[in-house]
PDB file of N, CA and C in Angstrom:
ATOM      1  N   MET A   1     -11.916 144.600 -13.766  1.00  0.00           N
ATOM      2  CA  MET A   1     -11.076 143.915 -14.719  1.00  0.00           C
ATOM      3  C   MET A   1     -11.818 142.679 -15.208  1.00  0.00           C
ATOM      4  N   THR A   2     -11.889 142.491 -16.488  1.00  0.00           N
ATOM      5  CA  THR A   2     -12.618 141.389 -17.083  1.00  0.00           C
ATOM      6  C   THR A   2     -11.653 140.290 -17.481  1.00  0.00           C
ATOM      7  N   SER A   3     -11.984 139.084 -17.102  1.00  0.00           N
ATOM      8  CA  SER A   3     -11.163 137.935 -17.470  1.00  0.00           C
ATOM      9  C   SER A   3     -11.628 137.412 -18.816  1.00  0.00           C
ATOM     10  N   THR A   4     -10.704 137.265 -19.716  1.00  0.00           N
ATOM     11  CA  THR A   4     -11.047 136.757 -21.046  1.00  0.00           C
ATOM     12  C   THR A   4     -10.368 135.411 -21.250  1.00  0.00           C
ATOM     13  N   SER A   5     -10.743 134.447 -20.411  1.00  0.00           N
ATOM     14  CA  SER A   5     -10.135 133.122 -20.549  1.00  0.00           C
ATOM     15  C   SER A   5     -10.735 132.423 -21.758  1.00  0.00           C
ATOM     16  N   VAL A   6      -9.868 131.797 -22.500  1.00  0.00           N
ATOM     17  CA  VAL A   6     -10.275 131.072 -23.687  1.00  0.00           C
ATOM     18  C   VAL A   6     -10.307 129.587 -23.335  1.00  0.00           C
ATOM     19  N   ALA A   7     -11.392 128.950 -23.653  1.00  0.00           N
ATOM     20  CA  ALA A   7     -11.514 127.521 -23.370  1.00  0.00           C
ATOM     21  C   ALA A   7     -10.468 126.737 -24.159  1.00  0.00           C
ATOM     22  N   LYS A   8      -9.891 125.745 -23.493  1.00  0.00           N
ATOM     23  CA  LYS A   8      -8.910 124.889 -24.166  1.00  0.00           C
ATOM     24  C   LYS A   8      -9.638 123.977 -25.140  1.00  0.00           C
ATOM     25  N   PRO A   9      -9.022 123.724 -26.279  1.00  0.00           N
ATOM     26  CA  PRO A   9      -9.623 122.770 -27.213  1.00  0.00           C
ATOM     27  C   PRO A   9      -9.729 121.388 -26.545  1.00  0.00           C
ATOM     28  N   SER A  10     -10.726 120.626 -26.915  1.00  0.00           N
ATOM     29  CA  SER A  10     -10.940 119.321 -26.276  1.00  0.00           C
ATOM     30  C   SER A  10      -9.735 118.403 -26.441  1.00  0.00           C
ATOM     31  N   LYS A  11      -9.046 118.493 -27.568  1.00  0.00           N
ATOM     32  CA  LYS A  11      -7.857 117.660 -27.788  1.00  0.00           C
ATOM     33  C   LYS A  11      -6.801 117.956 -26.727  1.00  0.00           C
ATOM     34  N   LEU A  12      -6.615 119.224 -26.389  1.00  0.00           N
ATOM     35  CA  LEU A  12      -5.642 119.611 -25.372  1.00  0.00           C
ATOM     36  C   LEU A  12      -6.100 119.162 -23.988  1.00  0.00           C
ATOM     37  N   ARG A  13      -7.390 119.335 -23.685  1.00  0.00           N
ATOM     38  CA  ARG A  13      -7.911 118.902 -22.376  1.00  0.00           C
ATOM     39  C   ARG A  13      -7.730 117.403 -22.193  1.00  0.00           C
ATOM     40  N   VAL A  14      -8.032 116.626 -23.227  1.00  0.00           N
ATOM     41  CA  VAL A  14      -7.883 115.168 -23.149  1.00  0.00           C
ATOM     42  C   VAL A  14      -6.420 114.804 -22.979  1.00  0.00           C
ATOM     43  N   SER A  15      -5.560 115.466 -23.704  1.00  0.00           N
ATOM     44  CA  SER A  15      -4.126 115.204 -23.610  1.00  0.00           C
ATOM     45  C   SER A  15      -3.606 115.468 -22.197  1.00  0.00           C
ATOM     46  N   VAL A  16      -4.018 116.579 -21.614  1.00  0.00           N
ATOM     47  CA  VAL A  16      -3.598 116.917 -20.252  1.00  0.00           C
ATOM     48  C   VAL A  16      -4.145 115.896 -19.259  1.00  0.00           C
ATOM     49  N   HIS A  17      -5.400 115.527 -19.433  1.00  0.00           N
ATOM     50  CA  HIS A  17      -6.031 114.545 -18.552  1.00  0.00           C
ATOM     51  C   HIS A  17      -5.303 113.207 -18.618  1.00  0.00           C
ATOM     52  N   ARG A  18      -5.007 112.738 -19.830  1.00  0.00           N
ATOM     53  CA  ARG A  18      -4.302 111.466 -19.990  1.00  0.00           C
ATOM     54  C   ARG A  18      -2.892 111.527 -19.420  1.00  0.00           C
ATOM     55  N   ALA A  19      -2.224 112.641 -19.586  1.00  0.00           N
ATOM     56  CA  ALA A  19      -0.878 112.789 -19.015  1.00  0.00           C
ATOM     57  C   ALA A  19      -0.940 112.700 -17.496  1.00  0.00           C
ATOM     58  N   ARG A  20      -1.961 113.311 -16.907  1.00  0.00           N
ATOM     59  CA  ARG A  20      -2.125 113.259 -15.451  1.00  0.00           C
ATOM     60  C   ARG A  20      -2.359 111.816 -14.985  1.00  0.00           C
ATOM     61  N   LEU A  21      -3.170 111.076 -15.714  1.00  0.00           N
ATOM     62  CA  LEU A  21      -3.425 109.682 -15.362  1.00  0.00           C
ATOM     63  C   LEU A  21      -2.167 108.826 -15.522  1.00  0.00           C
ATOM     64  N   ARG A  22      -1.418 109.056 -16.592  1.00  0.00           N
ATOM     65  CA  ARG A  22      -0.173 108.314 -16.786  1.00  0.00           C
ATOM     66  C   ARG A  22       0.821 108.613 -15.665  1.00  0.00           C
ATOM     67  N   ALA A  23       0.851 109.850 -15.215  1.00  0.00           N
ATOM     68  CA  ALA A  23       1.740 110.227 -14.111  1.00  0.00           C
ATOM     69  C   ALA A  23       1.355 109.496 -12.829  1.00  0.00           C
ATOM     70  N   GLN A  24       0.111 109.059 -12.726  1.00  0.00           N
ATOM     71  CA  GLN A  24      -0.356 108.297 -11.573  1.00  0.00           C
ATOM     72  C   GLN A  24      -0.084 106.803 -11.738  1.00  0.00           C
ATOM     73  N   GLY A  25       0.581 106.440 -12.832  1.00  0.00           N
ATOM     74  CA  GLY A  25       0.921 105.040 -13.063  1.00  0.00           C
ATOM     75  C   GLY A  25      -0.146 104.253 -13.801  1.00  0.00           C
ATOM     76  N   LEU A  26      -1.099 104.927 -14.406  1.00  0.00           N
ATOM     77  CA  LEU A  26      -2.161 104.253 -15.136  1.00  0.00           C
ATOM     78  C   LEU A  26      -1.862 104.263 -16.626  1.00  0.00           C
ATOM     79  N   ARG A  27      -2.483 103.343 -17.326  1.00  0.00           N
ATOM     80  CA  ARG A  27      -2.345 103.325 -18.783  1.00  0.00           C
ATOM     81  C   ARG A  27      -3.699 103.071 -19.405  1.00  0.00           C
ATOM     82  N   PRO A  28      -3.935 103.624 -20.578  1.00  0.00           N
ATOM     83  CA  PRO A  28      -5.233 103.427 -21.220  1.00  0.00           C
ATOM     84  C   PRO A  28      -5.308 102.065 -21.906  1.00  0.00           C
ATOM     85  N   ILE A  29      -6.470 101.464 -21.855  1.00  0.00           N
ATOM     86  CA  ILE A  29      -6.735 100.249 -22.627  1.00  0.00           C
ATOM     87  C   ILE A  29      -8.105 100.404 -23.267  1.00  0.00           C
ATOM     88  N   GLN A  30      -8.327  99.651 -24.301  1.00  0.00           N
ATOM     89  CA  GLN A  30      -9.628  99.666 -24.958  1.00  0.00           C
ATOM     90  C   GLN A  30     -10.078  98.228 -25.108  1.00  0.00           C
ATOM     91  N   ILE A  31     -11.275  97.939 -24.679  1.00  0.00           N
ATOM     92  CA  ILE A  31     -11.825  96.606 -24.852  1.00  0.00           C
ATOM     93  C   ILE A  31     -13.171  96.722 -25.553  1.00  0.00           C
ATOM     94  N   TRP A  32     -13.479  95.709 -26.290  1.00  0.00           N
ATOM     95  CA  TRP A  32     -14.752  95.656 -26.988  1.00  0.00           C
ATOM     96  C   TRP A  32     -15.566  94.523 -26.378  1.00  0.00           C
ATOM     97  N   VAL A  33     -16.776  94.811 -26.024  1.00  0.00           N
ATOM     98  CA  VAL A  33     -17.659  93.820 -25.420  1.00  0.00           C
ATOM     99  C   VAL A  33     -18.955  93.762 -26.216  1.00  0.00           C
ATOM    100  N   PRO A  34     -19.653  92.639 -26.127  1.00  0.00           N
ATOM    101  CA  PRO A  34     -20.927  92.566 -26.850  1.00  0.00           C
ATOM    102  C   PRO A  34     -21.897  93.637 -26.361  1.00  0.00           C
ATOM    103  N   ASP A  35     -22.660  94.180 -27.284  1.00  0.00           N
ATOM    104  CA  ASP A  35     -23.669  95.168 -26.937  1.00  0.00           C
ATOM    105  C   ASP A  35     -24.942  94.416 -26.565  1.00  0.00           C
ATOM    106  N   VAL A  36     -25.184  94.292 -25.263  1.00  0.00           N
ATOM    107  CA  VAL A  36     -26.311  93.499 -24.781  1.00  0.00           C
ATOM    108  C   VAL A  36     -27.653  94.169 -25.042  1.00  0.00           C
ATOM    109  N   ARG A  37     -27.638  95.373 -25.595  1.00  0.00           N
ATOM    110  CA  ARG A  37     -28.890  96.087 -25.878  1.00  0.00           C
ATOM    111  C   ARG A  37     -29.455  95.762 -27.252  1.00  0.00           C
ATOM    112  N   THR A  38     -28.681  95.080 -28.089  1.00  0.00           N
ATOM    113  CA  THR A  38     -29.131  94.838 -29.459  1.00  0.00           C
ATOM    114  C   THR A  38     -30.108  93.670 -29.524  1.00  0.00           C
ATOM    115  N   PRO A  39     -31.043  93.729 -30.447  1.00  0.00           N
ATOM    116  CA  PRO A  39     -31.967  92.608 -30.625  1.00  0.00           C
ATOM    117  C   PRO A  39     -31.237  91.311 -30.991  1.00  0.00           C
ATOM    118  N   ALA A  40     -30.168  91.404 -31.759  1.00  0.00           N
ATOM    119  CA  ALA A  40     -29.422  90.203 -32.154  1.00  0.00           C
ATOM    120  C   ALA A  40     -28.811  89.523 -30.935  1.00  0.00           C
ATOM    121  N   PHE A  41     -28.253  90.301 -30.007  1.00  0.00           N
ATOM    122  CA  PHE A  41     -27.678  89.720 -28.795  1.00  0.00           C
ATOM    123  C   PHE A  41     -28.771  89.047 -27.970  1.00  0.00           C
ATOM    124  N   LYS A  42     -29.887  89.753 -27.796  1.00  0.00           N
ATOM    125  CA  LYS A  42     -30.985  89.202 -26.996  1.00  0.00           C
ATOM    126  C   LYS A  42     -31.514  87.905 -27.593  1.00  0.00           C
ATOM    127  N   ALA A  43     -31.642  87.859 -28.915  1.00  0.00           N
ATOM    128  CA  ALA A  43     -32.135  86.652 -29.579  1.00  0.00           C
ATOM    129  C   ALA A  43     -31.149  85.500 -29.400  1.00  0.00           C
ATOM    130  N   GLN A  44     -29.866  85.780 -29.535  1.00  0.00           N
ATOM    131  CA  GLN A  44     -28.851  84.736 -29.381  1.00  0.00           C
ATOM    132  C   GLN A  44     -28.800  84.243 -27.936  1.00  0.00           C
ATOM    133  N   ALA A  45     -28.882  85.142 -26.973  1.00  0.00           N
ATOM    134  CA  ALA A  45     -28.879  84.747 -25.562  1.00  0.00           C
ATOM    135  C   ALA A  45     -30.094  83.885 -25.245  1.00  0.00           C
ATOM    136  N   HIS A  46     -31.239  84.259 -25.788  1.00  0.00           N
ATOM    137  CA  HIS A  46     -32.462  83.488 -25.565  1.00  0.00           C
ATOM    138  C   HIS A  46     -32.332  82.091 -26.179  1.00  0.00           C
ATOM    139  N   ALA A  47     -31.814  82.018 -27.400  1.00  0.00           N
ATOM    140  CA  ALA A  47     -31.643  80.726 -28.072  1.00  0.00           C
ATOM    141  C   ALA A  47     -30.691  79.830 -27.280  1.00  0.00           C
ATOM    142  N   GLN A  48     -29.619  80.410 -26.763  1.00  0.00           N
ATOM    143  CA  GLN A  48     -28.662  79.620 -25.989  1.00  0.00           C
ATOM    144  C   GLN A  48     -29.272  79.151 -24.665  1.00  0.00           C
ATOM    145  N   SER A  49     -30.059  80.001 -24.028  1.00  0.00           N
ATOM    146  CA  SER A  49     -30.677  79.590 -22.760  1.00  0.00           C
ATOM    147  C   SER A  49     -31.699  78.478 -22.994  1.00  0.00           C
ATOM    148  N   LEU A  50     -32.413  78.537 -24.101  1.00  0.00           N
ATOM    149  CA  LEU A  50     -33.346  77.458 -24.435  1.00  0.00           C
ATOM    150  C   LEU A  50     -32.599  76.155 -24.695  1.00  0.00           C
ATOM    151  N   ALA A  51     -31.469  76.243 -25.383  1.00  0.00           N
ATOM    152  CA  ALA A  51     -30.679  75.047 -25.673  1.00  0.00           C
ATOM    153  C   ALA A  51     -30.146  74.418 -24.389  1.00  0.00           C
ATOM    154  N   VAL A  52     -29.689  75.236 -23.469  1.00  0.00           N
ATOM    155  CA  VAL A  52     -29.194  74.721 -22.190  1.00  0.00           C
ATOM    156  C   VAL A  52     -30.332  74.082 -21.406  1.00  0.00           C
ATOM    157  N   ALA A  53     -31.482  74.744 -21.364  1.00  0.00           N
ATOM    158  CA  ALA A  53     -32.627  74.225 -20.616  1.00  0.00           C
ATOM    159  C   ALA A  53     -33.139  72.910 -21.199  1.00  0.00           C
ATOM    160  N   ALA A  54     -32.987  72.731 -22.493  1.00  0.00           N
ATOM    161  CA  ALA A  54     -33.490  71.524 -23.151  1.00  0.00           C
ATOM    162  C   ALA A  54     -32.468  70.388 -23.175  1.00  0.00           C
ATOM    163  N   SER A  55     -31.268  70.632 -22.699  1.00  0.00           N
ATOM    164  CA  SER A  55     -30.231  69.600 -22.760  1.00  0.00           C
ATOM    165  C   SER A  55     -30.522  68.473 -21.774  1.00  0.00           C
ATOM    166  N   LEU A  56     -29.945  67.329 -22.046  1.00  0.00           N
ATOM    167  CA  LEU A  56     -30.127  66.174 -21.170  1.00  0.00           C
ATOM    168  C   LEU A  56     -29.497  66.397 -19.795  1.00  0.00           C
ATOM    169  N   GLN A  57     -28.518  67.266 -19.724  1.00  0.00           N
ATOM    170  CA  GLN A  57     -27.819  67.542 -18.468  1.00  0.00           C
ATOM    171  C   GLN A  57     -28.350  68.790 -17.773  1.00  0.00           C
ATOM    172  N   ALA A  58     -29.492  69.297 -18.171  1.00  0.00           N
ATOM    173  CA  ALA A  58     -29.999  70.562 -17.628  1.00  0.00           C
ATOM    174  C   ALA A  58     -30.071  70.549 -16.108  1.00  0.00           C
ATOM    175  N   HIS A  59     -30.571  69.452 -15.534  1.00  0.00           N
ATOM    176  CA  HIS A  59     -30.704  69.397 -14.074  1.00  0.00           C
ATOM    177  C   HIS A  59     -29.334  69.343 -13.403  1.00  0.00           C
ATOM    178  N   GLN A  60     -28.409  68.586 -13.974  1.00  0.00           N
ATOM    179  CA  GLN A  60     -27.055  68.523 -13.413  1.00  0.00           C
ATOM    180  C   GLN A  60     -26.363  69.882 -13.531  1.00  0.00           C
ATOM    181  N   ASP A  61     -26.549  70.527 -14.664  1.00  0.00           N
ATOM    182  CA  ASP A  61     -25.951  71.850 -14.849  1.00  0.00           C
ATOM    183  C   ASP A  61     -26.504  72.840 -13.833  1.00  0.00           C
ATOM    184  N   GLN A  62     -27.817  72.815 -13.625  1.00  0.00           N
ATOM    185  CA  GLN A  62     -28.424  73.740 -12.665  1.00  0.00           C
ATOM    186  C   GLN A  62     -27.983  73.420 -11.242  1.00  0.00           C
ATOM    187  N   ASP A  63     -27.857  72.135 -10.916  1.00  0.00           N
ATOM    188  CA  ASP A  63     -27.361  71.753  -9.593  1.00  0.00           C
ATOM    189  C   ASP A  63     -25.952  72.297  -9.367  1.00  0.00           C
ATOM    190  N   PHE A  64     -25.115  72.220 -10.407  1.00  0.00           N
ATOM    191  CA  PHE A  64     -23.760  72.746 -10.305  1.00  0.00           C
ATOM    192  C   PHE A  64     -23.780  74.254 -10.075  1.00  0.00           C
ATOM    193  N   ILE A  65     -24.580  74.961 -10.853  1.00  0.00           N
ATOM    194  CA  ILE A  65     -24.679  76.421 -10.695  1.00  0.00           C
ATOM    195  C   ILE A  65     -25.170  76.769  -9.300  1.00  0.00           C
ATOM    196  N   ASP A  66     -26.184  76.047  -8.838  1.00  0.00           N
ATOM    197  CA  ASP A  66     -26.700  76.305  -7.485  1.00  0.00           C
ATOM    198  C   ASP A  66     -25.631  76.049  -6.429  1.00  0.00           C
ATOM    199  N   ALA A  67     -24.845  74.992  -6.598  1.00  0.00           N
ATOM    200  CA  ALA A  67     -23.815  74.644  -5.618  1.00  0.00           C
ATOM    201  C   ALA A  67     -22.731  75.707  -5.530  1.00  0.00           C
ATOM    202  N   ILE A  68     -22.302  76.225  -6.664  1.00  0.00           N
ATOM    203  CA  ILE A  68     -21.225  77.223  -6.610  1.00  0.00           C
ATOM    204  C   ILE A  68     -21.748  78.624  -6.334  1.00  0.00           C
ATOM    205  N   SER A  69     -23.063  78.773  -6.392  1.00  0.00           N
ATOM    206  CA  SER A  69     -23.652  80.091  -6.145  1.00  0.00           C
ATOM    207  C   SER A  69     -24.107  80.275  -4.701  1.00  0.00           C
ATOM    208  N   ASP A  70     -24.121  79.212  -3.910  1.00  0.00           N
ATOM    209  CA  ASP A  70     -24.569  79.300  -2.527  1.00  0.00           C
ATOM    210  C   ASP A  70     -23.437  79.850  -1.674  1.00  0.00           C
ATOM    211  N   TRP A  71     -23.531  81.114  -1.310  1.00  0.00           N
ATOM    212  CA  TRP A  71     -22.485  81.765  -0.542  1.00  0.00           C
ATOM    213  C   TRP A  71     -22.849  81.868   0.926  1.00  0.00           C
ATOM    214  N   GLY A  72     -23.869  81.126   1.320  1.00  0.00           N
ATOM    215  CA  GLY A  72     -24.246  81.127   2.726  1.00  0.00           C
ATOM    216  C   GLY A  72     -24.966  82.391   3.133  1.00  0.00           C
ATOM    217  N   ASP A  73     -24.719  82.806   4.353  1.00  0.00           N
ATOM    218  CA  ASP A  73     -25.398  83.963   4.929  1.00  0.00           C
ATOM    219  C   ASP A  73     -24.597  85.249   4.713  1.00  0.00           C
ATOM    220  N   GLU A  74     -24.677  85.794   3.565  1.00  0.00           N
ATOM    221  CA  GLU A  74     -23.962  87.041   3.296  1.00  0.00           C
ATOM    222  C   GLU A  74     -24.675  88.212   3.894  1.00  0.00           C
TER     223      GLU A  74
END
């Protein structure tokens, strides 16, 4: 006997999957975040890091970062 199962359309599969997740008490959300792979992001991040490093408070800022980043012997 040959099984002739027909694949479900992707819209139906997604719908079933989302219904299953909702039944588990979950809900979908969508967030947009910067694309860190783009040259524009990299250039802006570099420019900002240079500005921070060149600021008059650079040493105080770094001391603060070091202080809150010291988690001891993890």
